[in-house]
Amino acid sequence: MSRQDASKPDFWEKRFRESFTPWDAGRVPSDLERFLATEPRGRRVLIPGCGSGYEVRAFAEAGHEVLAVDFAPAAVERAQKILGPLSVRVRLADFFEADLGAAYAIAYERAFLCSLPRQLRPRYAERVAKLLGPQGRIAGFFFFEDGERGPPFGLKSGELELLLSDRFEQIEDRAVDDSIPIFAGKERWKIWKLRSISRPT
């Protein structure tokens, strides 16, 4: 496919319209299921770049108040079709620019950070920190690869720590055992908790 700007909705709109979505697992990952089985109900959850939105149902059925956003209309249409009555939990919106409210307990990460061109990563860290409430967490999957090509744009060794450690502390980290082929052997389940006081930059 021709190279385009992955920071723009048109890039992702084309892929969803053409069903060129190799990052779409078609299911909820087992690490998320394990997380939800132990997480107290009633959390406020944000899912940026939700794509097909499978995890929206998982969070909602586990008793959480979830908002999922994507800036590609075709992705939102697909998610709303998949989710049926839960389609109201999905909104067409730009994660960086839209008014999404604040004080979320969890920002769920699944193939969103790795979809962003590298120059947008600092904005991601800043934006998530602002949207989370005290003790808020980023929980989800992080893709690691040393290559430059993408998307998906992999994180290089030490890069995630540099990106997040000023605002967050890592409290969980483990290998993922049911990755889809595009991520196999290259992703980890992690939880990062917002620091009470950010480190000076």
N, C-alpha and C. Protein backbone atom coordinates (compact mmCIF):
# COMPACT_ATOMS: atom_id res chain seq x y z
N MET A 1 0.85 -1.18 0.00
CA MET A 1 0.00 0.00 0.00
C MET A 1 0.89 1.24 0.00
N SER A 2 0.43 2.31 -0.60
CA SER A 2 1.24 3.52 -0.67
C SER A 2 1.41 4.12 0.72
N ARG A 3 2.54 4.78 0.92
CA ARG A 3 2.82 5.40 2.20
C ARG A 3 1.96 6.65 2.37
N GLN A 4 1.37 6.76 3.55
CA GLN A 4 0.56 7.91 3.88
C GLN A 4 0.89 8.32 5.31
N ASP A 5 0.19 9.32 5.80
CA ASP A 5 0.46 9.84 7.14
C ASP A 5 -0.42 9.13 8.16
N ALA A 6 0.20 8.29 8.99
CA ALA A 6 -0.56 7.51 9.97
C ALA A 6 -1.14 8.37 11.09
N SER A 7 -0.80 9.66 11.12
CA SER A 7 -1.39 10.55 12.13
C SER A 7 -2.74 11.10 11.69
N LYS A 8 -3.15 10.79 10.45
CA LYS A 8 -4.38 11.34 9.89
C LYS A 8 -5.49 10.29 9.81
N PRO A 9 -6.74 10.70 10.01
CA PRO A 9 -7.84 9.74 9.93
C PRO A 9 -7.92 9.01 8.60
N ASP A 10 -7.60 9.70 7.49
CA ASP A 10 -7.73 9.08 6.17
C ASP A 10 -6.89 7.81 6.03
N PHE A 11 -5.72 7.79 6.67
CA PHE A 11 -4.85 6.63 6.62
C PHE A 11 -5.58 5.40 7.16
N TRP A 12 -6.21 5.55 8.31
CA TRP A 12 -6.90 4.44 8.96
C TRP A 12 -8.26 4.18 8.34
N GLU A 13 -8.92 5.23 7.86
CA GLU A 13 -10.20 5.06 7.18
C GLU A 13 -10.06 4.12 6.00
N LYS A 14 -9.02 4.32 5.21
CA LYS A 14 -8.77 3.48 4.03
C LYS A 14 -8.59 2.02 4.43
N ARG A 15 -7.85 1.80 5.50
CA ARG A 15 -7.59 0.43 5.92
C ARG A 15 -8.84 -0.26 6.44
N PHE A 16 -9.65 0.44 7.21
CA PHE A 16 -10.89 -0.17 7.69
C PHE A 16 -11.87 -0.40 6.55
N ARG A 17 -11.96 0.55 5.62
CA ARG A 17 -12.88 0.37 4.49
C ARG A 17 -12.48 -0.82 3.62
N GLU A 18 -11.16 -1.05 3.51
CA GLU A 18 -10.66 -2.15 2.68
C GLU A 18 -10.43 -3.42 3.49
N SER A 19 -10.81 -3.42 4.77
CA SER A 19 -10.61 -4.55 5.69
C SER A 19 -9.16 -4.99 5.74
N PHE A 20 -8.26 -4.01 5.66
CA PHE A 20 -6.83 -4.27 5.81
C PHE A 20 -6.47 -3.95 7.26
N THR A 21 -6.78 -4.90 8.15
CA THR A 21 -6.63 -4.66 9.59
C THR A 21 -5.94 -5.85 10.26
N PRO A 22 -4.65 -6.08 9.97
CA PRO A 22 -3.96 -7.24 10.54
C PRO A 22 -3.75 -7.14 12.05
N TRP A 23 -4.00 -5.96 12.64
CA TRP A 23 -3.88 -5.79 14.08
C TRP A 23 -5.15 -6.19 14.81
N ASP A 24 -6.21 -6.51 14.07
CA ASP A 24 -7.52 -6.82 14.67
C ASP A 24 -7.54 -8.29 15.09
N ALA A 25 -7.57 -8.52 16.41
CA ALA A 25 -7.53 -9.89 16.94
C ALA A 25 -8.86 -10.62 16.80
N GLY A 26 -9.95 -9.86 16.64
CA GLY A 26 -11.26 -10.49 16.54
C GLY A 26 -11.78 -11.04 17.86
N ARG A 27 -11.14 -10.66 18.95
CA ARG A 27 -11.50 -11.21 20.27
C ARG A 27 -10.87 -10.34 21.36
N VAL A 28 -11.20 -10.67 22.60
CA VAL A 28 -10.60 -10.00 23.75
C VAL A 28 -9.38 -10.81 24.21
N PRO A 29 -8.23 -10.18 24.38
CA PRO A 29 -7.04 -10.91 24.80
C PRO A 29 -7.18 -11.52 26.20
N SER A 30 -6.54 -12.65 26.42
CA SER A 30 -6.68 -13.34 27.69
C SER A 30 -6.10 -12.54 28.86
N ASP A 31 -5.05 -11.75 28.62
CA ASP A 31 -4.51 -10.93 29.71
C ASP A 31 -5.51 -9.91 30.19
N LEU A 32 -6.31 -9.37 29.28
CA LEU A 32 -7.35 -8.43 29.71
C LEU A 32 -8.42 -9.17 30.51
N GLU A 33 -8.80 -10.36 30.08
CA GLU A 33 -9.79 -11.13 30.82
C GLU A 33 -9.32 -11.41 32.24
N ARG A 34 -8.03 -11.74 32.39
CA ARG A 34 -7.48 -11.98 33.73
C ARG A 34 -7.51 -10.70 34.57
N PHE A 35 -7.18 -9.59 33.95
CA PHE A 35 -7.21 -8.30 34.64
C PHE A 35 -8.63 -7.98 35.11
N LEU A 36 -9.61 -8.14 34.24
CA LEU A 36 -10.98 -7.81 34.59
C LEU A 36 -11.54 -8.72 35.68
N ALA A 37 -11.05 -9.93 35.74
CA ALA A 37 -11.53 -10.88 36.76
C ALA A 37 -11.14 -10.46 38.17
N THR A 38 -10.12 -9.63 38.30
CA THR A 38 -9.65 -9.22 39.62
C THR A 38 -9.88 -7.74 39.92
N GLU A 39 -10.31 -7.00 38.94
CA GLU A 39 -10.48 -5.55 39.08
C GLU A 39 -11.84 -5.22 39.69
N PRO A 40 -11.90 -4.41 40.75
CA PRO A 40 -13.19 -4.00 41.31
C PRO A 40 -14.05 -3.30 40.25
N ARG A 41 -15.34 -3.50 40.35
CA ARG A 41 -16.27 -2.90 39.40
C ARG A 41 -16.36 -1.40 39.58
N GLY A 42 -16.95 -0.74 38.58
CA GLY A 42 -17.28 0.67 38.71
C GLY A 42 -16.19 1.64 38.31
N ARG A 43 -15.16 1.17 37.63
CA ARG A 43 -14.11 2.08 37.17
C ARG A 43 -14.58 2.88 35.95
N ARG A 44 -14.02 4.05 35.80
CA ARG A 44 -14.25 4.86 34.60
C ARG A 44 -13.09 4.60 33.64
N VAL A 45 -13.40 4.10 32.45
CA VAL A 45 -12.39 3.57 31.53
C VAL A 45 -12.44 4.30 30.20
N LEU A 46 -11.26 4.64 29.68
CA LEU A 46 -11.13 5.24 28.35
C LEU A 46 -10.35 4.30 27.45
N ILE A 47 -10.88 4.07 26.24
CA ILE A 47 -10.18 3.26 25.24
C ILE A 47 -9.91 4.13 24.03
N PRO A 48 -8.70 4.67 23.89
CA PRO A 48 -8.37 5.47 22.70
C PRO A 48 -8.02 4.58 21.52
N GLY A 49 -8.39 5.04 20.31
CA GLY A 49 -8.10 4.24 19.12
C GLY A 49 -8.72 2.87 19.21
N CYS A 50 -10.01 2.79 19.46
CA CYS A 50 -10.66 1.53 19.83
C CYS A 50 -10.82 0.55 18.69
N GLY A 51 -10.69 1.01 17.43
CA GLY A 51 -10.85 0.07 16.32
C GLY A 51 -12.19 -0.62 16.38
N SER A 52 -12.17 -1.95 16.30
CA SER A 52 -13.42 -2.73 16.25
C SER A 52 -14.13 -2.82 17.59
N GLY A 53 -13.48 -2.44 18.67
CA GLY A 53 -14.17 -2.23 19.94
C GLY A 53 -14.53 -3.45 20.76
N TYR A 54 -13.88 -4.59 20.53
CA TYR A 54 -14.24 -5.79 21.30
C TYR A 54 -14.12 -5.58 22.80
N GLU A 55 -13.10 -4.83 23.21
CA GLU A 55 -12.85 -4.66 24.63
C GLU A 55 -13.91 -3.79 25.30
N VAL A 56 -14.63 -3.00 24.53
CA VAL A 56 -15.70 -2.19 25.11
C VAL A 56 -16.71 -3.09 25.81
N ARG A 57 -17.11 -4.16 25.14
CA ARG A 57 -18.08 -5.09 25.75
C ARG A 57 -17.48 -5.75 27.00
N ALA A 58 -16.22 -6.12 26.92
CA ALA A 58 -15.59 -6.78 28.07
C ALA A 58 -15.58 -5.87 29.30
N PHE A 59 -15.21 -4.62 29.12
CA PHE A 59 -15.21 -3.68 30.24
C PHE A 59 -16.63 -3.43 30.73
N ALA A 60 -17.56 -3.23 29.82
CA ALA A 60 -18.95 -2.93 30.22
C ALA A 60 -19.57 -4.11 30.97
N GLU A 61 -19.35 -5.32 30.48
CA GLU A 61 -19.93 -6.49 31.14
C GLU A 61 -19.27 -6.77 32.48
N ALA A 62 -18.05 -6.25 32.67
CA ALA A 62 -17.38 -6.39 33.97
C ALA A 62 -17.79 -5.29 34.94
N GLY A 63 -18.71 -4.43 34.50
CA GLY A 63 -19.28 -3.44 35.41
C GLY A 63 -18.62 -2.09 35.41
N HIS A 64 -17.94 -1.75 34.31
CA HIS A 64 -17.24 -0.48 34.25
C HIS A 64 -17.95 0.51 33.32
N GLU A 65 -17.71 1.79 33.57
CA GLU A 65 -18.24 2.87 32.73
C GLU A 65 -17.18 3.18 31.68
N VAL A 66 -17.41 2.78 30.44
CA VAL A 66 -16.37 2.85 29.42
C VAL A 66 -16.75 3.78 28.28
N LEU A 67 -15.77 4.57 27.85
CA LEU A 67 -15.89 5.39 26.65
C LEU A 67 -14.76 5.00 25.71
N ALA A 68 -15.11 4.67 24.47
CA ALA A 68 -14.13 4.33 23.46
C ALA A 68 -14.20 5.35 22.33
N VAL A 69 -13.04 5.76 21.83
CA VAL A 69 -13.00 6.75 20.76
C VAL A 69 -12.08 6.28 19.64
N ASP A 70 -12.42 6.72 18.43
CA ASP A 70 -11.56 6.52 17.27
C ASP A 70 -11.85 7.67 16.32
N PHE A 71 -10.82 8.08 15.54
CA PHE A 71 -11.05 9.22 14.64
C PHE A 71 -11.29 8.79 13.20
N ALA A 72 -11.36 7.49 12.95
CA ALA A 72 -11.70 6.97 11.63
C ALA A 72 -13.17 6.56 11.62
N PRO A 73 -14.02 7.22 10.83
CA PRO A 73 -15.44 6.87 10.83
C PRO A 73 -15.72 5.39 10.57
N ALA A 74 -14.93 4.76 9.69
CA ALA A 74 -15.16 3.35 9.38
C ALA A 74 -14.90 2.47 10.60
N ALA A 75 -13.93 2.84 11.42
CA ALA A 75 -13.66 2.08 12.64
C ALA A 75 -14.82 2.21 13.60
N VAL A 76 -15.33 3.43 13.76
CA VAL A 76 -16.46 3.65 14.66
C VAL A 76 -17.68 2.88 14.17
N GLU A 77 -17.93 2.90 12.87
CA GLU A 77 -19.07 2.16 12.31
C GLU A 77 -18.93 0.67 12.58
N ARG A 78 -17.73 0.14 12.42
CA ARG A 78 -17.51 -1.29 12.66
C ARG A 78 -17.73 -1.62 14.12
N ALA A 79 -17.16 -0.80 15.01
CA ALA A 79 -17.32 -1.06 16.44
C ALA A 79 -18.79 -0.99 16.85
N GLN A 80 -19.50 0.01 16.36
CA GLN A 80 -20.90 0.15 16.73
C GLN A 80 -21.73 -1.02 16.22
N LYS A 81 -21.40 -1.54 15.04
CA LYS A 81 -22.10 -2.71 14.52
C LYS A 81 -21.83 -3.93 15.38
N ILE A 82 -20.57 -4.12 15.77
CA ILE A 82 -20.19 -5.26 16.61
C ILE A 82 -20.84 -5.17 17.98
N LEU A 83 -20.93 -3.96 18.53
CA LEU A 83 -21.37 -3.79 19.91
C LEU A 83 -22.88 -3.71 20.09
N GLY A 84 -23.61 -3.44 19.03
CA GLY A 84 -25.07 -3.40 19.16
C GLY A 84 -25.53 -2.41 20.20
N PRO A 85 -26.26 -2.87 21.24
CA PRO A 85 -26.78 -1.94 22.26
C PRO A 85 -25.68 -1.15 22.98
N LEU A 86 -24.47 -1.65 22.97
CA LEU A 86 -23.37 -0.93 23.62
C LEU A 86 -22.70 0.08 22.69
N SER A 87 -23.27 0.27 21.49
CA SER A 87 -22.66 1.17 20.52
C SER A 87 -22.58 2.61 21.02
N VAL A 88 -23.43 2.96 21.99
CA VAL A 88 -23.41 4.32 22.54
C VAL A 88 -22.12 4.59 23.31
N ARG A 89 -21.38 3.54 23.62
CA ARG A 89 -20.12 3.71 24.34
C ARG A 89 -18.97 4.11 23.41
N VAL A 90 -19.23 4.17 22.10
CA VAL A 90 -18.18 4.47 21.11
C VAL A 90 -18.47 5.83 20.49
N ARG A 91 -17.43 6.67 20.39
CA ARG A 91 -17.60 8.02 19.87
C ARG A 91 -16.56 8.31 18.79
N LEU A 92 -16.97 8.98 17.73
CA LEU A 92 -16.04 9.48 16.72
C LEU A 92 -15.37 10.72 17.29
N ALA A 93 -14.07 10.63 17.56
CA ALA A 93 -13.37 11.74 18.21
C ALA A 93 -11.87 11.57 18.05
N ASP A 94 -11.18 12.69 18.04
CA ASP A 94 -9.72 12.71 18.02
C ASP A 94 -9.23 12.69 19.47
N PHE A 95 -8.51 11.66 19.84
CA PHE A 95 -8.03 11.50 21.20
C PHE A 95 -7.28 12.73 21.70
N PHE A 96 -6.52 13.37 20.84
CA PHE A 96 -5.69 14.49 21.25
C PHE A 96 -6.45 15.81 21.36
N GLU A 97 -7.55 15.94 20.63
CA GLU A 97 -8.22 17.24 20.54
C GLU A 97 -9.60 17.29 21.17
N ALA A 98 -10.30 16.18 21.24
CA ALA A 98 -11.69 16.19 21.69
C ALA A 98 -11.80 16.37 23.21
N ASP A 99 -12.93 16.90 23.64
CA ASP A 99 -13.25 16.98 25.06
C ASP A 99 -13.77 15.61 25.50
N LEU A 100 -12.95 14.88 26.21
CA LEU A 100 -13.30 13.52 26.63
C LEU A 100 -13.63 13.44 28.12
N GLY A 101 -13.76 14.61 28.75
CA GLY A 101 -13.92 14.60 30.19
C GLY A 101 -12.57 14.31 30.84
N ALA A 102 -12.60 13.91 32.08
CA ALA A 102 -11.34 13.63 32.78
C ALA A 102 -11.61 12.68 33.93
N ALA A 103 -10.58 12.47 34.74
CA ALA A 103 -10.65 11.62 35.93
C ALA A 103 -11.03 10.18 35.60
N TYR A 104 -10.45 9.65 34.52
CA TYR A 104 -10.59 8.23 34.24
C TYR A 104 -9.70 7.45 35.19
N ALA A 105 -10.17 6.26 35.57
CA ALA A 105 -9.36 5.39 36.42
C ALA A 105 -8.38 4.56 35.60
N ILE A 106 -8.80 4.23 34.36
CA ILE A 106 -7.98 3.37 33.51
C ILE A 106 -8.01 3.90 32.08
N ALA A 107 -6.84 3.98 31.47
CA ALA A 107 -6.73 4.16 30.02
C ALA A 107 -6.22 2.84 29.48
N TYR A 108 -7.03 2.19 28.68
CA TYR A 108 -6.68 0.88 28.14
C TYR A 108 -5.88 1.04 26.87
N GLU A 109 -4.76 0.34 26.79
CA GLU A 109 -3.87 0.42 25.64
C GLU A 109 -3.86 -0.89 24.86
N ARG A 110 -4.27 -0.81 23.61
CA ARG A 110 -4.21 -1.98 22.72
C ARG A 110 -4.03 -1.48 21.29
N ALA A 111 -2.80 -1.51 20.80
CA ALA A 111 -2.47 -1.15 19.42
C ALA A 111 -2.77 0.31 19.09
N PHE A 112 -2.85 1.17 20.10
CA PHE A 112 -3.01 2.60 19.83
C PHE A 112 -1.67 3.30 19.83
N LEU A 113 -0.90 3.13 20.89
CA LEU A 113 0.41 3.79 20.94
C LEU A 113 1.28 3.40 19.74
N CYS A 114 1.25 2.13 19.37
CA CYS A 114 2.09 1.69 18.25
C CYS A 114 1.53 2.12 16.89
N SER A 115 0.32 2.67 16.88
CA SER A 115 -0.24 3.20 15.64
C SER A 115 0.22 4.64 15.40
N LEU A 116 0.74 5.28 16.45
CA LEU A 116 1.09 6.69 16.36
C LEU A 116 2.50 6.87 15.81
N PRO A 117 2.68 7.76 14.86
CA PRO A 117 4.04 8.13 14.47
C PRO A 117 4.83 8.58 15.71
N ARG A 118 6.11 8.28 15.73
CA ARG A 118 6.91 8.47 16.94
C ARG A 118 6.88 9.89 17.49
N GLN A 119 6.75 10.89 16.64
CA GLN A 119 6.76 12.27 17.13
C GLN A 119 5.54 12.59 17.98
N LEU A 120 4.49 11.75 17.91
CA LEU A 120 3.28 11.99 18.70
C LEU A 120 3.33 11.33 20.07
N ARG A 121 4.33 10.50 20.32
CA ARG A 121 4.35 9.75 21.58
C ARG A 121 4.43 10.65 22.81
N PRO A 122 5.24 11.71 22.83
CA PRO A 122 5.21 12.59 24.01
C PRO A 122 3.84 13.20 24.26
N ARG A 123 3.12 13.54 23.19
CA ARG A 123 1.76 14.08 23.36
C ARG A 123 0.83 13.03 23.96
N TYR A 124 1.03 11.77 23.57
CA TYR A 124 0.23 10.68 24.13
C TYR A 124 0.42 10.61 25.64
N ALA A 125 1.69 10.60 26.08
CA ALA A 125 1.97 10.49 27.52
C ALA A 125 1.37 11.66 28.29
N GLU A 126 1.51 12.86 27.76
CA GLU A 126 0.98 14.05 28.41
C GLU A 126 -0.55 14.01 28.46
N ARG A 127 -1.16 13.63 27.36
CA ARG A 127 -2.62 13.61 27.26
C ARG A 127 -3.23 12.58 28.22
N VAL A 128 -2.66 11.38 28.23
CA VAL A 128 -3.19 10.35 29.12
C VAL A 128 -3.08 10.79 30.58
N ALA A 129 -1.94 11.37 30.93
CA ALA A 129 -1.75 11.82 32.31
C ALA A 129 -2.81 12.84 32.71
N LYS A 130 -3.19 13.72 31.78
CA LYS A 130 -4.19 14.73 32.08
C LYS A 130 -5.60 14.15 32.20
N LEU A 131 -5.86 13.08 31.47
CA LEU A 131 -7.20 12.49 31.47
C LEU A 131 -7.44 11.56 32.65
N LEU A 132 -6.37 11.07 33.26
CA LEU A 132 -6.51 10.15 34.38
C LEU A 132 -6.69 10.91 35.69
N GLY A 133 -7.46 10.30 36.60
CA GLY A 133 -7.59 10.85 37.93
C GLY A 133 -6.44 10.38 38.82
N PRO A 134 -6.43 10.79 40.10
CA PRO A 134 -5.39 10.36 41.02
C PRO A 134 -5.29 8.83 41.06
N GLN A 135 -4.08 8.32 41.04
CA GLN A 135 -3.82 6.88 41.03
C GLN A 135 -4.33 6.19 39.76
N GLY A 136 -4.64 6.97 38.73
CA GLY A 136 -5.08 6.40 37.47
C GLY A 136 -3.99 5.55 36.83
N ARG A 137 -4.42 4.62 35.96
CA ARG A 137 -3.47 3.67 35.38
C ARG A 137 -3.64 3.56 33.87
N ILE A 138 -2.54 3.33 33.20
CA ILE A 138 -2.55 2.81 31.83
C ILE A 138 -2.39 1.31 31.95
N ALA A 139 -3.32 0.56 31.41
CA ALA A 139 -3.23 -0.91 31.46
C ALA A 139 -3.42 -1.45 30.06
N GLY A 140 -2.53 -2.35 29.67
CA GLY A 140 -2.72 -2.95 28.36
C GLY A 140 -1.45 -3.50 27.76
N PHE A 141 -1.38 -3.43 26.43
CA PHE A 141 -0.39 -4.15 25.64
C PHE A 141 0.54 -3.17 24.94
N PHE A 142 1.82 -3.44 25.02
CA PHE A 142 2.83 -2.57 24.43
C PHE A 142 3.71 -3.38 23.49
N PHE A 143 3.90 -2.86 22.29
CA PHE A 143 4.59 -3.56 21.20
C PHE A 143 6.03 -3.09 21.11
N PHE A 144 6.96 -4.04 21.15
CA PHE A 144 8.39 -3.74 21.14
C PHE A 144 9.05 -4.30 19.89
N GLU A 145 9.73 -3.43 19.17
CA GLU A 145 10.47 -3.83 17.98
C GLU A 145 11.47 -2.74 17.65
N ASP A 146 12.66 -3.12 17.23
CA ASP A 146 13.72 -2.14 16.99
C ASP A 146 13.65 -1.48 15.62
N GLY A 147 12.86 -2.03 14.71
CA GLY A 147 12.79 -1.47 13.36
C GLY A 147 12.14 -0.10 13.31
N GLU A 148 12.35 0.59 12.21
CA GLU A 148 11.81 1.94 12.03
C GLU A 148 10.47 1.95 11.30
N ARG A 149 10.19 0.89 10.56
CA ARG A 149 8.99 0.90 9.72
C ARG A 149 7.73 0.71 10.56
N GLY A 150 6.63 1.09 9.98
CA GLY A 150 5.34 0.93 10.63
C GLY A 150 4.28 1.69 9.86
N PRO A 151 3.07 1.72 10.37
CA PRO A 151 2.65 1.06 11.59
C PRO A 151 2.50 -0.46 11.44
N PRO A 152 2.58 -1.20 12.56
CA PRO A 152 2.80 -0.69 13.91
C PRO A 152 4.25 -0.22 14.11
N PHE A 153 4.39 0.87 14.86
CA PHE A 153 5.69 1.43 15.18
C PHE A 153 6.12 0.88 16.54
N GLY A 154 7.12 0.02 16.54
CA GLY A 154 7.54 -0.63 17.78
C GLY A 154 8.29 0.30 18.71
N LEU A 155 8.25 -0.04 19.98
CA LEU A 155 9.04 0.65 21.00
C LEU A 155 10.41 -0.01 21.07
N LYS A 156 11.44 0.78 21.11
CA LYS A 156 12.79 0.25 21.25
C LYS A 156 13.12 0.09 22.73
N SER A 157 14.17 -0.67 23.01
CA SER A 157 14.56 -0.93 24.39
C SER A 157 14.75 0.39 25.16
N GLY A 158 14.08 0.51 26.29
CA GLY A 158 14.19 1.69 27.13
C GLY A 158 13.32 2.86 26.73
N GLU A 159 12.71 2.80 25.57
CA GLU A 159 11.95 3.94 25.07
C GLU A 159 10.68 4.20 25.86
N LEU A 160 9.99 3.13 26.25
CA LEU A 160 8.75 3.31 27.00
C LEU A 160 9.02 3.92 28.37
N GLU A 161 10.10 3.49 29.01
CA GLU A 161 10.47 4.06 30.30
C GLU A 161 10.76 5.56 30.18
N LEU A 162 11.48 5.94 29.13
CA LEU A 162 11.76 7.36 28.92
C LEU A 162 10.48 8.15 28.67
N LEU A 163 9.53 7.52 28.00
CA LEU A 163 8.29 8.19 27.65
C LEU A 163 7.39 8.40 28.87
N LEU A 164 7.31 7.40 29.74
CA LEU A 164 6.30 7.41 30.79
C LEU A 164 6.82 7.67 32.19
N SER A 165 8.07 7.40 32.48
CA SER A 165 8.51 7.33 33.88
C SER A 165 8.48 8.67 34.62
N ASP A 166 8.46 9.80 33.91
CA ASP A 166 8.32 11.08 34.60
C ASP A 166 6.96 11.23 35.25
N ARG A 167 5.95 10.64 34.64
CA ARG A 167 4.58 10.80 35.13
C ARG A 167 4.01 9.53 35.76
N PHE A 168 4.57 8.37 35.38
CA PHE A 168 4.01 7.09 35.80
C PHE A 168 5.09 6.19 36.40
N GLU A 169 4.64 5.22 37.21
CA GLU A 169 5.53 4.15 37.64
C GLU A 169 4.95 2.82 37.18
N GLN A 170 5.81 1.94 36.70
CA GLN A 170 5.36 0.64 36.23
C GLN A 170 5.11 -0.27 37.42
N ILE A 171 3.92 -0.88 37.47
CA ILE A 171 3.58 -1.74 38.60
C ILE A 171 3.31 -3.18 38.17
N GLU A 172 3.26 -3.43 36.87
CA GLU A 172 3.07 -4.80 36.39
C GLU A 172 3.69 -4.94 35.01
N ASP A 173 4.29 -6.10 34.76
CA ASP A 173 4.95 -6.35 33.47
C ASP A 173 5.07 -7.85 33.27
N ARG A 174 4.50 -8.35 32.19
CA ARG A 174 4.65 -9.77 31.90
C ARG A 174 4.52 -10.03 30.41
N ALA A 175 5.06 -11.15 29.98
CA ALA A 175 4.98 -11.55 28.59
C ALA A 175 3.54 -11.90 28.22
N VAL A 176 3.21 -11.75 26.96
CA VAL A 176 1.88 -12.07 26.44
C VAL A 176 1.96 -13.41 25.72
N ASP A 177 1.03 -14.31 26.02
CA ASP A 177 1.12 -15.66 25.46
C ASP A 177 0.10 -15.97 24.37
N ASP A 178 -0.74 -15.00 24.02
CA ASP A 178 -1.74 -15.29 22.98
C ASP A 178 -1.80 -14.16 21.94
N SER A 179 -0.63 -13.61 21.61
CA SER A 179 -0.57 -12.52 20.63
C SER A 179 -1.02 -12.99 19.25
N ILE A 180 -1.59 -12.06 18.47
CA ILE A 180 -1.86 -12.35 17.08
C ILE A 180 -0.54 -12.25 16.30
N PRO A 181 -0.49 -12.80 15.07
CA PRO A 181 0.79 -12.90 14.37
C PRO A 181 1.60 -11.61 14.26
N ILE A 182 0.96 -10.49 14.00
CA ILE A 182 1.71 -9.24 13.78
C ILE A 182 2.46 -8.79 15.05
N PHE A 183 1.99 -9.23 16.22
CA PHE A 183 2.60 -8.84 17.49
C PHE A 183 3.32 -9.99 18.19
N ALA A 184 3.29 -11.18 17.64
CA ALA A 184 3.77 -12.38 18.34
C ALA A 184 5.22 -12.24 18.79
N GLY A 185 5.45 -12.50 20.07
CA GLY A 185 6.78 -12.45 20.64
C GLY A 185 7.31 -11.05 20.86
N LYS A 186 6.50 -10.03 20.61
CA LYS A 186 6.98 -8.66 20.65
C LYS A 186 6.12 -7.73 21.51
N GLU A 187 5.19 -8.28 22.27
CA GLU A 187 4.38 -7.42 23.12
C GLU A 187 4.36 -7.92 24.54
N ARG A 188 4.11 -6.97 25.44
CA ARG A 188 4.04 -7.28 26.86
C ARG A 188 2.82 -6.59 27.47
N TRP A 189 2.22 -7.27 28.43
CA TRP A 189 1.15 -6.67 29.23
C TRP A 189 1.81 -5.86 30.34
N LYS A 190 1.42 -4.60 30.45
CA LYS A 190 1.98 -3.73 31.46
C LYS A 190 0.90 -2.86 32.09
N ILE A 191 1.15 -2.49 33.33
CA ILE A 191 0.31 -1.49 33.99
C ILE A 191 1.22 -0.40 34.53
N TRP A 192 0.89 0.83 34.20
CA TRP A 192 1.62 2.01 34.68
C TRP A 192 0.67 2.86 35.50
N LYS A 193 1.07 3.19 36.72
CA LYS A 193 0.22 4.00 37.61
C LYS A 193 0.72 5.44 37.66
N LEU A 194 -0.20 6.37 37.58
CA LEU A 194 0.13 7.79 37.64
C LEU A 194 0.77 8.12 38.98
N ARG A 195 1.89 8.81 38.93
CA ARG A 195 2.56 9.21 40.16
C ARG A 195 1.75 10.30 40.87
N SER A 196 1.82 10.32 42.17
CA SER A 196 1.13 11.36 42.95
C SER A 196 1.71 12.73 42.60
N ILE A 197 3.03 12.79 42.47
CA ILE A 197 3.70 14.01 42.05
C ILE A 197 4.65 13.63 40.95
N SER A 198 4.51 14.26 39.78
CA SER A 198 5.38 13.92 38.65
C SER A 198 6.80 14.33 38.96
N ARG A 199 7.72 13.53 38.43
CA ARG A 199 9.12 13.90 38.56
C ARG A 199 9.41 15.17 37.76
N PRO A 200 10.36 15.99 38.21
CA PRO A 200 10.72 17.17 37.42
C PRO A 200 11.34 16.77 36.10
N THR A 201 11.05 17.49 35.04
CA THR A 201 11.61 17.17 33.72
C THR A 201 12.84 18.00 33.46
